[in-house]
Amino acid sequence: MYNKGVALYNQGKYDDAIQAFDEAIEINPKYAPAWHAKGTALYNQGKYNEAIKASDKAIEINPEDALAWYAKGNSLYNQGKYNDAIQAYNKCIEINPKHAEAWSNKGVALYNQGSYSDAIKSYEEAIRLDPDLARAWYNKGVVNYAQNK
């Protein structure tokens, strides 16, 4: 069921994917990848509270699941909970220091808190890890512009 859910997710069929992930979870409630994938599908539907619950379940099963921490951070960010999002991104980065997207998204959360210099440091680390991460370059430019106004 998990692989079916991934295939449906990749087709943008999030409701069907969630149903398949739920079936996989019913078979094995401790299968963290199904919880994480369900959370990602819920996130893509804008169901952030449900996505956080699914990410939390994946984290409960496997606290070293960097992607579940990253996904949780994204949902928290989209709820405007920047401090909590930063904590989730930090946990992702602690587990996988080379996760460029987590560094970049942490920068966005820091920027939204007005922590411009810390945001730039996060963007610079994201760019160091992935020089092709255009979003990090763009966001770094936004922060530089905001600082120099």
N, C-alpha and C. Protein backbone atom coordinates (compact mmCIF):
# COMPACT_ATOMS: atom_id res chain seq x y z
N MET A 1 0.80 -1.20 0.00
CA MET A 1 0.00 0.00 0.00
C MET A 1 0.85 1.27 0.00
N TYR A 2 1.98 1.20 0.70
CA TYR A 2 2.84 2.38 0.77
C TYR A 2 3.29 2.80 -0.63
N ASN A 3 3.77 1.85 -1.42
CA ASN A 3 4.25 2.18 -2.77
C ASN A 3 3.12 2.71 -3.64
N LYS A 4 1.93 2.16 -3.47
CA LYS A 4 0.76 2.67 -4.19
C LYS A 4 0.52 4.12 -3.79
N GLY A 5 0.62 4.40 -2.50
CA GLY A 5 0.43 5.77 -2.02
C GLY A 5 1.45 6.73 -2.61
N VAL A 6 2.70 6.28 -2.68
CA VAL A 6 3.76 7.12 -3.27
C VAL A 6 3.44 7.41 -4.74
N ALA A 7 3.01 6.38 -5.46
CA ALA A 7 2.68 6.57 -6.89
C ALA A 7 1.52 7.55 -7.04
N LEU A 8 0.51 7.42 -6.21
CA LEU A 8 -0.63 8.35 -6.27
C LEU A 8 -0.21 9.76 -5.87
N TYR A 9 0.63 9.86 -4.86
CA TYR A 9 1.15 11.16 -4.43
C TYR A 9 1.89 11.84 -5.59
N ASN A 10 2.74 11.08 -6.26
CA ASN A 10 3.52 11.63 -7.37
C ASN A 10 2.64 12.08 -8.54
N GLN A 11 1.42 11.58 -8.58
CA GLN A 11 0.46 12.01 -9.61
C GLN A 11 -0.41 13.18 -9.13
N GLY A 12 -0.16 13.61 -7.90
CA GLY A 12 -0.94 14.71 -7.35
C GLY A 12 -2.31 14.30 -6.85
N LYS A 13 -2.53 13.00 -6.71
CA LYS A 13 -3.81 12.47 -6.21
C LYS A 13 -3.70 12.28 -4.70
N TYR A 14 -3.75 13.39 -3.99
CA TYR A 14 -3.44 13.38 -2.57
C TYR A 14 -4.48 12.62 -1.73
N ASP A 15 -5.76 12.77 -2.04
CA ASP A 15 -6.78 12.05 -1.27
C ASP A 15 -6.58 10.54 -1.40
N ASP A 16 -6.36 10.09 -2.62
CA ASP A 16 -6.13 8.66 -2.85
C ASP A 16 -4.83 8.20 -2.20
N ALA A 17 -3.81 9.05 -2.25
CA ALA A 17 -2.53 8.71 -1.63
C ALA A 17 -2.71 8.57 -0.11
N ILE A 18 -3.42 9.50 0.50
CA ILE A 18 -3.65 9.44 1.94
C ILE A 18 -4.39 8.16 2.31
N GLN A 19 -5.36 7.80 1.50
CA GLN A 19 -6.10 6.56 1.75
C GLN A 19 -5.15 5.35 1.69
N ALA A 20 -4.25 5.33 0.71
CA ALA A 20 -3.29 4.23 0.60
C ALA A 20 -2.32 4.23 1.77
N PHE A 21 -1.87 5.41 2.20
CA PHE A 21 -0.97 5.48 3.36
C PHE A 21 -1.70 5.01 4.62
N ASP A 22 -2.99 5.39 4.75
CA ASP A 22 -3.76 4.92 5.90
C ASP A 22 -3.88 3.40 5.90
N GLU A 23 -4.04 2.81 4.73
CA GLU A 23 -4.10 1.34 4.64
C GLU A 23 -2.77 0.73 5.05
N ALA A 24 -1.67 1.35 4.63
CA ALA A 24 -0.34 0.85 5.02
C ALA A 24 -0.16 0.98 6.54
N ILE A 25 -0.64 2.07 7.10
CA ILE A 25 -0.54 2.30 8.54
C ILE A 25 -1.41 1.29 9.30
N GLU A 26 -2.56 0.97 8.73
CA GLU A 26 -3.43 -0.03 9.36
C GLU A 26 -2.73 -1.39 9.42
N ILE A 27 -1.99 -1.73 8.37
CA ILE A 27 -1.24 -2.99 8.33
C ILE A 27 -0.09 -2.96 9.32
N ASN A 28 0.63 -1.82 9.36
CA ASN A 28 1.78 -1.67 10.26
C ASN A 28 1.78 -0.26 10.84
N PRO A 29 1.16 -0.08 12.00
CA PRO A 29 1.06 1.25 12.60
C PRO A 29 2.41 1.88 12.95
N LYS A 30 3.47 1.11 12.97
CA LYS A 30 4.80 1.63 13.32
C LYS A 30 5.68 1.84 12.09
N TYR A 31 5.06 1.93 10.91
CA TYR A 31 5.82 2.15 9.68
C TYR A 31 5.94 3.67 9.46
N ALA A 32 7.03 4.22 9.98
CA ALA A 32 7.24 5.68 9.96
C ALA A 32 7.16 6.29 8.56
N PRO A 33 7.72 5.66 7.51
CA PRO A 33 7.62 6.30 6.19
C PRO A 33 6.19 6.56 5.73
N ALA A 34 5.25 5.68 6.11
CA ALA A 34 3.86 5.91 5.72
C ALA A 34 3.28 7.12 6.45
N TRP A 35 3.62 7.26 7.73
CA TRP A 35 3.17 8.43 8.49
C TRP A 35 3.75 9.70 7.90
N HIS A 36 5.04 9.67 7.59
CA HIS A 36 5.70 10.85 7.01
C HIS A 36 5.07 11.21 5.67
N ALA A 37 4.87 10.21 4.82
CA ALA A 37 4.29 10.46 3.49
C ALA A 37 2.86 10.99 3.61
N LYS A 38 2.11 10.44 4.55
CA LYS A 38 0.75 10.94 4.77
C LYS A 38 0.81 12.42 5.18
N GLY A 39 1.74 12.75 6.05
CA GLY A 39 1.88 14.14 6.47
C GLY A 39 2.22 15.07 5.32
N THR A 40 3.06 14.60 4.43
CA THR A 40 3.44 15.41 3.27
C THR A 40 2.24 15.62 2.34
N ALA A 41 1.45 14.58 2.14
CA ALA A 41 0.26 14.72 1.31
C ALA A 41 -0.73 15.69 1.95
N LEU A 42 -0.92 15.58 3.26
CA LEU A 42 -1.80 16.51 3.97
C LEU A 42 -1.29 17.94 3.86
N TYR A 43 0.02 18.11 3.98
CA TYR A 43 0.63 19.43 3.84
C TYR A 43 0.28 20.03 2.47
N ASN A 44 0.40 19.21 1.44
CA ASN A 44 0.12 19.69 0.09
C ASN A 44 -1.35 20.04 -0.12
N GLN A 45 -2.20 19.59 0.77
CA GLN A 45 -3.61 19.96 0.73
C GLN A 45 -3.90 21.17 1.63
N GLY A 46 -2.86 21.67 2.30
CA GLY A 46 -3.05 22.80 3.20
C GLY A 46 -3.63 22.41 4.55
N LYS A 47 -3.62 21.12 4.87
CA LYS A 47 -4.15 20.62 6.15
C LYS A 47 -2.99 20.52 7.14
N TYR A 48 -2.54 21.67 7.60
CA TYR A 48 -1.30 21.74 8.38
C TYR A 48 -1.40 21.07 9.75
N ASN A 49 -2.53 21.22 10.44
CA ASN A 49 -2.66 20.57 11.75
C ASN A 49 -2.58 19.05 11.61
N GLU A 50 -3.28 18.51 10.63
CA GLU A 50 -3.25 17.06 10.40
C GLU A 50 -1.85 16.62 9.94
N ALA A 51 -1.20 17.45 9.13
CA ALA A 51 0.14 17.13 8.66
C ALA A 51 1.12 17.07 9.83
N ILE A 52 0.98 18.01 10.77
CA ILE A 52 1.85 18.02 11.95
C ILE A 52 1.63 16.76 12.78
N LYS A 53 0.38 16.36 12.95
CA LYS A 53 0.08 15.14 13.71
C LYS A 53 0.72 13.92 13.06
N ALA A 54 0.65 13.83 11.74
CA ALA A 54 1.26 12.70 11.03
C ALA A 54 2.79 12.76 11.15
N SER A 55 3.36 13.95 11.02
CA SER A 55 4.82 14.10 11.18
C SER A 55 5.23 13.72 12.59
N ASP A 56 4.45 14.16 13.57
CA ASP A 56 4.76 13.82 14.97
C ASP A 56 4.73 12.30 15.18
N LYS A 57 3.80 11.62 14.54
CA LYS A 57 3.73 10.16 14.68
C LYS A 57 4.97 9.53 14.05
N ALA A 58 5.40 10.02 12.89
CA ALA A 58 6.61 9.50 12.26
C ALA A 58 7.82 9.74 13.16
N ILE A 59 7.88 10.91 13.78
CA ILE A 59 8.99 11.27 14.67
C ILE A 59 8.95 10.42 15.94
N GLU A 60 7.75 10.16 16.45
CA GLU A 60 7.61 9.30 17.63
C GLU A 60 8.18 7.90 17.34
N ILE A 61 7.91 7.39 16.16
CA ILE A 61 8.39 6.06 15.77
C ILE A 61 9.88 6.09 15.48
N ASN A 62 10.32 7.13 14.78
CA ASN A 62 11.74 7.26 14.41
C ASN A 62 12.19 8.70 14.63
N PRO A 63 12.69 9.02 15.82
CA PRO A 63 13.11 10.39 16.13
C PRO A 63 14.24 10.90 15.24
N GLU A 64 14.91 10.02 14.53
CA GLU A 64 16.02 10.43 13.65
C GLU A 64 15.57 10.61 12.20
N ASP A 65 14.29 10.72 11.97
CA ASP A 65 13.75 10.92 10.63
C ASP A 65 13.84 12.41 10.28
N ALA A 66 14.93 12.78 9.66
CA ALA A 66 15.16 14.20 9.34
C ALA A 66 14.05 14.77 8.46
N LEU A 67 13.56 13.98 7.52
CA LEU A 67 12.53 14.48 6.61
C LEU A 67 11.21 14.74 7.34
N ALA A 68 10.92 13.95 8.35
CA ALA A 68 9.70 14.20 9.13
C ALA A 68 9.82 15.51 9.90
N TRP A 69 11.01 15.78 10.46
CA TRP A 69 11.25 17.05 11.15
C TRP A 69 11.13 18.21 10.16
N TYR A 70 11.69 18.03 8.96
CA TYR A 70 11.61 19.07 7.93
C TYR A 70 10.15 19.35 7.56
N ALA A 71 9.39 18.27 7.34
CA ALA A 71 7.98 18.42 6.98
C ALA A 71 7.20 19.11 8.09
N LYS A 72 7.50 18.73 9.32
CA LYS A 72 6.83 19.38 10.45
C LYS A 72 7.16 20.88 10.47
N GLY A 73 8.42 21.21 10.23
CA GLY A 73 8.82 22.61 10.17
C GLY A 73 8.05 23.39 9.11
N ASN A 74 7.86 22.77 7.95
CA ASN A 74 7.12 23.44 6.88
C ASN A 74 5.68 23.71 7.27
N SER A 75 5.04 22.74 7.92
CA SER A 75 3.65 22.94 8.35
C SER A 75 3.56 24.02 9.41
N LEU A 76 4.48 23.98 10.36
CA LEU A 76 4.49 25.01 11.42
C LEU A 76 4.73 26.40 10.82
N TYR A 77 5.65 26.48 9.87
CA TYR A 77 5.93 27.75 9.21
C TYR A 77 4.65 28.30 8.56
N ASN A 78 3.94 27.43 7.86
CA ASN A 78 2.74 27.87 7.16
C ASN A 78 1.61 28.26 8.10
N GLN A 79 1.74 27.92 9.36
CA GLN A 79 0.79 28.37 10.37
C GLN A 79 1.27 29.66 11.05
N GLY A 80 2.43 30.15 10.63
CA GLY A 80 2.98 31.36 11.24
C GLY A 80 3.66 31.10 12.57
N LYS A 81 3.93 29.85 12.88
CA LYS A 81 4.60 29.48 14.13
C LYS A 81 6.10 29.38 13.87
N TYR A 82 6.72 30.54 13.71
CA TYR A 82 8.11 30.60 13.26
C TYR A 82 9.10 30.00 14.26
N ASN A 83 8.91 30.27 15.54
CA ASN A 83 9.83 29.69 16.55
C ASN A 83 9.79 28.18 16.51
N ASP A 84 8.58 27.62 16.47
CA ASP A 84 8.44 26.16 16.43
C ASP A 84 9.00 25.60 15.13
N ALA A 85 8.79 26.31 14.03
CA ALA A 85 9.32 25.86 12.74
C ALA A 85 10.85 25.83 12.79
N ILE A 86 11.44 26.87 13.35
CA ILE A 86 12.91 26.93 13.46
C ILE A 86 13.42 25.77 14.29
N GLN A 87 12.73 25.45 15.38
CA GLN A 87 13.14 24.31 16.20
C GLN A 87 13.09 23.01 15.41
N ALA A 88 12.04 22.83 14.61
CA ALA A 88 11.92 21.62 13.80
C ALA A 88 13.01 21.58 12.73
N TYR A 89 13.27 22.72 12.07
CA TYR A 89 14.36 22.77 11.08
C TYR A 89 15.70 22.48 11.74
N ASN A 90 15.91 23.03 12.94
CA ASN A 90 17.16 22.77 13.66
C ASN A 90 17.34 21.28 13.95
N LYS A 91 16.26 20.62 14.31
CA LYS A 91 16.34 19.17 14.58
C LYS A 91 16.66 18.42 13.28
N CYS A 92 16.04 18.81 12.19
CA CYS A 92 16.35 18.21 10.89
C CYS A 92 17.83 18.39 10.56
N ILE A 93 18.32 19.60 10.76
CA ILE A 93 19.72 19.93 10.46
C ILE A 93 20.67 19.19 11.39
N GLU A 94 20.27 19.02 12.65
CA GLU A 94 21.09 18.27 13.60
C GLU A 94 21.26 16.82 13.10
N ILE A 95 20.20 16.24 12.58
CA ILE A 95 20.24 14.87 12.08
C ILE A 95 20.96 14.81 10.74
N ASN A 96 20.66 15.77 9.87
CA ASN A 96 21.26 15.80 8.53
C ASN A 96 21.76 17.22 8.24
N PRO A 97 23.00 17.53 8.64
CA PRO A 97 23.53 18.88 8.46
C PRO A 97 23.63 19.32 6.99
N LYS A 98 23.48 18.40 6.06
CA LYS A 98 23.60 18.74 4.64
C LYS A 98 22.25 18.96 3.96
N HIS A 99 21.20 19.11 4.75
CA HIS A 99 19.85 19.31 4.20
C HIS A 99 19.69 20.80 3.84
N ALA A 100 20.04 21.12 2.61
CA ALA A 100 20.05 22.52 2.16
C ALA A 100 18.68 23.18 2.26
N GLU A 101 17.63 22.46 1.93
CA GLU A 101 16.28 23.03 1.99
C GLU A 101 15.91 23.43 3.43
N ALA A 102 16.33 22.61 4.40
CA ALA A 102 16.03 22.95 5.79
C ALA A 102 16.76 24.24 6.19
N TRP A 103 18.02 24.38 5.76
CA TRP A 103 18.76 25.61 6.04
C TRP A 103 18.05 26.81 5.39
N SER A 104 17.61 26.63 4.15
CA SER A 104 16.95 27.73 3.44
C SER A 104 15.63 28.10 4.10
N ASN A 105 14.82 27.10 4.43
CA ASN A 105 13.53 27.40 5.05
C ASN A 105 13.68 27.97 6.45
N LYS A 106 14.71 27.53 7.16
CA LYS A 106 15.02 28.13 8.45
C LYS A 106 15.31 29.62 8.26
N GLY A 107 16.03 29.95 7.20
CA GLY A 107 16.30 31.35 6.89
C GLY A 107 15.04 32.16 6.68
N VAL A 108 14.07 31.58 5.99
CA VAL A 108 12.81 32.28 5.75
C VAL A 108 12.09 32.54 7.08
N ALA A 109 12.08 31.55 7.96
CA ALA A 109 11.43 31.73 9.26
C ALA A 109 12.15 32.80 10.07
N LEU A 110 13.48 32.77 10.04
CA LEU A 110 14.25 33.79 10.76
C LEU A 110 13.98 35.18 10.19
N TYR A 111 13.91 35.29 8.88
CA TYR A 111 13.60 36.56 8.23
C TYR A 111 12.25 37.09 8.71
N ASN A 112 11.27 36.19 8.77
CA ASN A 112 9.93 36.61 9.20
C ASN A 112 9.89 37.04 10.65
N GLN A 113 10.89 36.67 11.42
CA GLN A 113 11.01 37.14 12.81
C GLN A 113 11.85 38.41 12.90
N GLY A 114 12.39 38.86 11.78
CA GLY A 114 13.24 40.04 11.79
C GLY A 114 14.69 39.76 12.13
N SER A 115 15.07 38.50 12.18
CA SER A 115 16.46 38.11 12.48
C SER A 115 17.25 38.03 11.17
N TYR A 116 17.51 39.19 10.60
CA TYR A 116 18.09 39.25 9.26
C TYR A 116 19.48 38.62 9.18
N SER A 117 20.36 38.92 10.12
CA SER A 117 21.72 38.38 10.02
C SER A 117 21.72 36.86 10.16
N ASP A 118 20.88 36.32 11.04
CA ASP A 118 20.78 34.87 11.17
C ASP A 118 20.17 34.25 9.93
N ALA A 119 19.21 34.95 9.34
CA ALA A 119 18.60 34.46 8.10
C ALA A 119 19.66 34.36 7.00
N ILE A 120 20.47 35.39 6.88
CA ILE A 120 21.52 35.37 5.85
C ILE A 120 22.48 34.22 6.09
N LYS A 121 22.85 33.97 7.35
CA LYS A 121 23.74 32.83 7.66
C LYS A 121 23.10 31.51 7.22
N SER A 122 21.81 31.37 7.43
CA SER A 122 21.12 30.14 7.01
C SER A 122 21.11 30.02 5.48
N TYR A 123 20.83 31.13 4.80
CA TYR A 123 20.84 31.09 3.34
C TYR A 123 22.23 30.76 2.81
N GLU A 124 23.24 31.35 3.43
CA GLU A 124 24.62 31.08 2.98
C GLU A 124 24.99 29.62 3.15
N GLU A 125 24.55 29.01 4.24
CA GLU A 125 24.82 27.58 4.43
C GLU A 125 24.06 26.76 3.40
N ALA A 126 22.82 27.12 3.12
CA ALA A 126 22.04 26.42 2.10
C ALA A 126 22.73 26.51 0.75
N ILE A 127 23.23 27.70 0.43
CA ILE A 127 23.92 27.92 -0.86
C ILE A 127 25.24 27.15 -0.90
N ARG A 128 25.94 27.11 0.22
CA ARG A 128 27.20 26.35 0.26
C ARG A 128 26.92 24.87 -0.02
N LEU A 129 25.84 24.37 0.55
CA LEU A 129 25.49 22.95 0.38
C LEU A 129 24.93 22.67 -1.01
N ASP A 130 24.17 23.62 -1.56
CA ASP A 130 23.55 23.44 -2.87
C ASP A 130 23.59 24.76 -3.63
N PRO A 131 24.69 25.00 -4.35
CA PRO A 131 24.83 26.27 -5.06
C PRO A 131 23.74 26.53 -6.10
N ASP A 132 22.98 25.51 -6.48
CA ASP A 132 21.91 25.67 -7.45
C ASP A 132 20.55 25.94 -6.82
N LEU A 133 20.51 26.10 -5.51
CA LEU A 133 19.24 26.33 -4.82
C LEU A 133 18.84 27.79 -5.00
N ALA A 134 18.13 28.04 -6.09
CA ALA A 134 17.79 29.41 -6.48
C ALA A 134 17.00 30.15 -5.40
N ARG A 135 16.12 29.44 -4.72
CA ARG A 135 15.29 30.07 -3.69
C ARG A 135 16.16 30.69 -2.59
N ALA A 136 17.24 30.01 -2.22
CA ALA A 136 18.13 30.53 -1.17
C ALA A 136 18.84 31.80 -1.66
N TRP A 137 19.29 31.79 -2.91
CA TRP A 137 19.93 32.98 -3.48
C TRP A 137 18.95 34.15 -3.49
N TYR A 138 17.74 33.87 -3.96
CA TYR A 138 16.71 34.92 -4.03
C TYR A 138 16.42 35.49 -2.64
N ASN A 139 16.17 34.59 -1.69
CA ASN A 139 15.81 35.03 -0.34
C ASN A 139 16.95 35.80 0.32
N LYS A 140 18.17 35.39 0.06
CA LYS A 140 19.32 36.14 0.59
C LYS A 140 19.30 37.56 0.03
N GLY A 141 18.99 37.69 -1.24
CA GLY A 141 18.89 39.02 -1.86
C GLY A 141 17.78 39.84 -1.24
N VAL A 142 16.65 39.22 -0.94
CA VAL A 142 15.54 39.92 -0.30
C VAL A 142 15.96 40.47 1.05
N VAL A 143 16.67 39.64 1.82
CA VAL A 143 17.09 40.07 3.15
C VAL A 143 18.12 41.21 3.04
N ASN A 144 19.06 41.06 2.13
CA ASN A 144 20.04 42.14 1.93
C ASN A 144 19.35 43.45 1.57
N TYR A 145 18.36 43.37 0.69
CA TYR A 145 17.61 44.56 0.29
C TYR A 145 16.88 45.15 1.51
N ALA A 146 16.24 44.29 2.29
CA ALA A 146 15.49 44.76 3.46
C ALA A 146 16.42 45.43 4.48
N GLN A 147 17.62 44.92 4.60
CA GLN A 147 18.58 45.50 5.55
C GLN A 147 19.09 46.85 5.09
N ASN A 148 19.15 47.04 3.79
CA ASN A 148 19.76 48.25 3.26
C ASN A 148 18.75 49.32 2.87
N LYS A 149 17.51 49.14 3.23
CA LYS A 149 16.46 50.15 2.91
C LYS A 149 16.61 51.35 3.80
